[in-house]
N, C-alpha and C. Protein backbone atom coordinates (compact mmCIF):
# COMPACT_ATOMS: atom_id res chain seq x y z
N MET A 1 114.49 112.67 95.71
CA MET A 1 113.38 114.07 95.19
C MET A 1 112.40 112.64 94.11
N GLU A 2 110.94 113.19 94.50
CA GLU A 2 109.58 112.26 95.17
C GLU A 2 109.07 112.44 93.85
N ASP A 3 109.56 113.39 92.44
CA ASP A 3 108.44 113.03 91.54
C ASP A 3 109.46 111.59 90.65
N ARG A 4 111.64 112.38 90.79
CA ARG A 4 112.02 111.51 90.50
C ARG A 4 111.27 109.50 90.97
N GLY A 5 111.25 109.35 92.36
CA GLY A 5 110.02 107.87 92.26
C GLY A 5 109.24 107.62 91.28
N GLU A 6 108.49 108.41 91.69
CA GLU A 6 107.25 109.04 91.01
C GLU A 6 106.84 108.82 89.48
N LEU A 7 108.18 108.78 88.68
CA LEU A 7 107.82 108.45 87.29
C LEU A 7 108.28 107.48 87.46
N LYS A 8 109.42 107.45 87.67
CA LYS A 8 110.10 105.14 88.19
C LYS A 8 108.61 104.68 87.88
N LYS A 9 108.34 104.36 88.80
CA LYS A 9 106.79 104.23 89.70
C LYS A 9 105.95 104.10 87.88
N TYR A 10 105.82 105.39 87.88
CA TYR A 10 105.13 105.00 86.42
C TYR A 10 105.24 104.31 85.27
N LEU A 11 106.88 104.76 85.16
CA LEU A 11 107.22 103.41 84.03
C LEU A 11 107.47 102.48 83.88
N LEU A 12 107.16 101.48 85.85
CA LEU A 12 106.94 100.41 85.55
C LEU A 12 105.30 99.74 85.14
N ASP A 13 104.57 100.69 86.33
CA ASP A 13 104.23 100.33 86.33
C ASP A 13 101.97 100.51 84.60
N VAL A 14 102.94 101.12 83.51
CA VAL A 14 102.87 100.78 81.74
C VAL A 14 103.10 100.06 81.38
N ILE A 15 104.44 100.11 81.69
CA ILE A 15 105.24 98.80 80.87
C ILE A 15 105.37 97.28 81.44
N GLY A 16 104.91 97.26 82.69
CA GLY A 16 105.35 96.25 83.42
C GLY A 16 106.41 95.89 83.45
N GLU A 17 106.95 94.81 84.42
CA GLU A 17 108.76 94.51 84.80
C GLU A 17 108.62 93.83 83.29
N GLU A 18 107.59 92.40 83.21
CA GLU A 18 107.67 91.68 82.17
C GLU A 18 108.34 91.70 80.46
N GLY A 19 107.86 93.37 80.32
CA GLY A 19 107.62 94.20 79.19
C GLY A 19 108.65 95.32 79.52
N CYS A 20 109.38 95.11 79.89
CA CYS A 20 110.58 96.43 80.15
C CYS A 20 111.87 95.79 81.04
N GLY A 21 111.57 94.65 81.93
CA GLY A 21 112.92 93.20 82.32
C GLY A 21 113.93 94.55 82.91
N VAL A 22 115.47 94.49 82.53
CA VAL A 22 116.26 95.25 82.90
C VAL A 22 116.28 96.91 82.81
N SER A 23 116.02 97.08 81.28
CA SER A 23 115.72 98.35 80.75
C SER A 23 115.50 99.11 82.00
N CYS A 24 114.17 99.21 82.31
CA CYS A 24 113.26 99.96 83.40
C CYS A 24 113.75 100.07 84.86
N THR A 25 114.08 98.49 85.01
CA THR A 25 115.12 98.37 86.83
C THR A 25 115.73 98.75 86.67
N GLU A 26 116.84 99.29 85.41
CA GLU A 26 118.26 99.57 85.32
C GLU A 26 117.67 101.78 85.63
N ALA A 27 116.74 101.74 85.26
CA ALA A 27 116.87 103.61 84.01
C ALA A 27 116.80 103.96 85.18
N ASP A 28 117.64 105.20 84.89
CA ASP A 28 117.37 106.10 85.48
C ASP A 28 116.44 108.29 85.18
N VAL A 29 115.62 107.95 85.48
CA VAL A 29 115.27 108.91 85.18
C VAL A 29 115.48 110.47 86.28
N PHE A 30 115.77 111.14 85.38
CA PHE A 30 116.39 112.08 85.93
C PHE A 30 116.09 113.63 85.33
N LYS A 31 115.98 114.73 85.92
CA LYS A 31 115.66 116.51 85.14
C LYS A 31 117.01 117.73 85.27
N ASP A 32 117.15 118.12 83.83
CA ASP A 32 118.04 118.67 83.50
C ASP A 32 117.49 120.29 83.61
N GLU A 33 118.87 120.92 82.43
CA GLU A 33 117.84 122.18 82.52
C GLU A 33 116.75 122.11 81.34
N GLU A 34 116.80 120.62 80.46
CA GLU A 34 116.07 120.59 78.97
C GLU A 34 114.38 120.22 79.90
N GLY A 35 114.52 119.48 81.00
CA GLY A 35 113.92 119.21 82.05
C GLY A 35 113.51 117.37 82.39
N TRP A 36 112.90 117.06 81.88
CA TRP A 36 112.69 115.23 82.47
C TRP A 36 113.64 114.91 81.13
N LYS A 37 113.85 113.51 81.62
CA LYS A 37 114.10 112.90 80.44
C LYS A 37 115.13 110.94 81.45
N MET A 38 114.34 110.07 80.93
CA MET A 38 115.14 109.18 81.42
C MET A 38 116.50 107.97 80.38
N MET A 39 117.52 107.56 80.88
CA MET A 39 118.39 106.62 80.62
C MET A 39 118.09 105.53 81.24
N LEU A 40 117.71 104.97 79.74
CA LEU A 40 118.00 102.85 80.10
C LEU A 40 119.18 102.47 79.31
N GLU A 41 119.33 101.30 80.23
CA GLU A 41 120.41 100.13 80.22
C GLU A 41 120.69 99.86 78.49
N GLY A 42 120.81 99.34 78.23
CA GLY A 42 121.43 99.36 76.88
C GLY A 42 121.22 100.58 75.47
N PHE A 43 120.71 101.75 75.63
CA PHE A 43 120.62 102.57 75.09
C PHE A 43 121.60 103.79 74.92
N MET A 44 121.66 103.98 74.18
CA MET A 44 122.91 105.42 74.03
C MET A 44 122.81 106.64 75.02
N GLU A 45 121.48 106.86 74.78
CA GLU A 45 121.05 108.41 74.56
C GLU A 45 120.30 108.70 75.50
N PRO A 46 119.81 110.15 76.82
CA PRO A 46 118.84 110.23 76.81
C PRO A 46 117.35 109.59 76.03
N TRP A 47 116.32 109.61 76.62
CA TRP A 47 114.99 109.92 75.91
C TRP A 47 114.44 111.21 76.59
N TYR A 48 114.53 112.38 76.28
CA TYR A 48 113.52 113.58 76.75
C TYR A 48 112.20 112.73 77.23
N LEU A 49 111.29 113.53 78.11
CA LEU A 49 109.81 113.38 78.22
C LEU A 49 109.48 114.56 78.43
N GLY A 50 109.70 115.68 79.09
CA GLY A 50 109.11 117.01 79.09
C GLY A 50 109.43 117.44 80.36
N LYS A 51 108.36 119.01 79.90
CA LYS A 51 109.02 119.82 81.37
C LYS A 51 108.41 119.55 82.48
N THR A 52 107.37 118.54 82.53
CA THR A 52 106.63 118.25 83.98
C THR A 52 106.57 116.96 84.21
N VAL A 53 106.37 116.86 84.97
CA VAL A 53 106.05 115.52 85.52
C VAL A 53 104.70 114.48 84.71
N PRO A 54 103.41 115.92 84.64
CA PRO A 54 102.15 115.66 83.01
C PRO A 54 102.68 114.72 82.42
N GLU A 55 103.94 115.69 81.96
CA GLU A 55 104.05 115.27 80.00
C GLU A 55 105.26 114.55 80.04
N ALA A 56 106.01 114.42 81.34
CA ALA A 56 107.08 112.89 81.79
C ALA A 56 105.63 111.61 81.01
N ARG A 57 104.78 111.56 81.97
CA ARG A 57 103.93 110.67 82.15
C ARG A 57 102.64 110.17 80.69
N GLU A 58 102.86 111.35 80.09
CA GLU A 58 102.33 110.95 78.63
C GLU A 58 103.40 110.96 77.72
N LYS A 59 104.31 111.01 77.12
CA LYS A 59 105.37 110.69 77.32
C LYS A 59 106.29 109.62 77.35
N ILE A 60 105.72 109.38 78.26
CA ILE A 60 106.06 107.39 78.76
C ILE A 60 105.26 106.82 77.70
N LYS A 61 104.08 106.91 78.61
CA LYS A 61 102.09 106.06 77.66
C LYS A 61 103.21 105.92 76.49
N GLU A 62 103.53 107.49 75.29
CA GLU A 62 103.42 107.30 74.15
C GLU A 62 104.61 106.23 72.91
N TYR A 63 105.80 106.53 74.79
CA TYR A 63 106.93 105.51 74.50
C TYR A 63 106.43 104.14 74.73
N ALA A 64 105.58 104.07 75.27
CA ALA A 64 105.14 101.98 75.75
C ALA A 64 104.17 101.77 74.64
N SER A 65 102.77 101.93 73.83
CA SER A 65 102.41 102.50 72.54
C SER A 65 103.11 101.90 71.74
N GLN A 66 105.24 102.58 71.22
CA GLN A 66 105.12 102.44 69.65
C GLN A 66 105.94 101.35 70.61
N GLY A 67 106.26 101.08 71.87
CA GLY A 67 107.34 99.95 71.48
C GLY A 67 108.91 100.26 71.70
N PHE A 68 109.07 100.99 70.90
CA PHE A 68 110.39 101.02 71.32
C PHE A 68 111.40 100.73 72.19
N GLY A 69 111.57 99.29 72.30
CA GLY A 69 111.72 98.32 72.80
C GLY A 69 111.76 98.41 74.14
N LEU A 70 110.60 98.36 74.81
CA LEU A 70 110.44 98.43 75.49
C LEU A 70 108.75 98.24 76.49
N ALA A 71 108.68 97.59 75.38
CA ALA A 71 106.66 96.52 75.68
C ALA A 71 106.84 94.92 74.81
């Protein structure tokens, strides 16, 4: 799925490999009936990103700016 790859690349671009480490390289970005989510290594539950790709990009940026163990 093209959107999935785009979001995973965006995750690495926003946070950077050094800020994310194994959590992002092993990230699983997927879409289910609720919308886009990402499952990061070391976290118990997937993180909700939004219903659309633009919403997901904004949520990734928001998570990165708040830290949340990503940066």
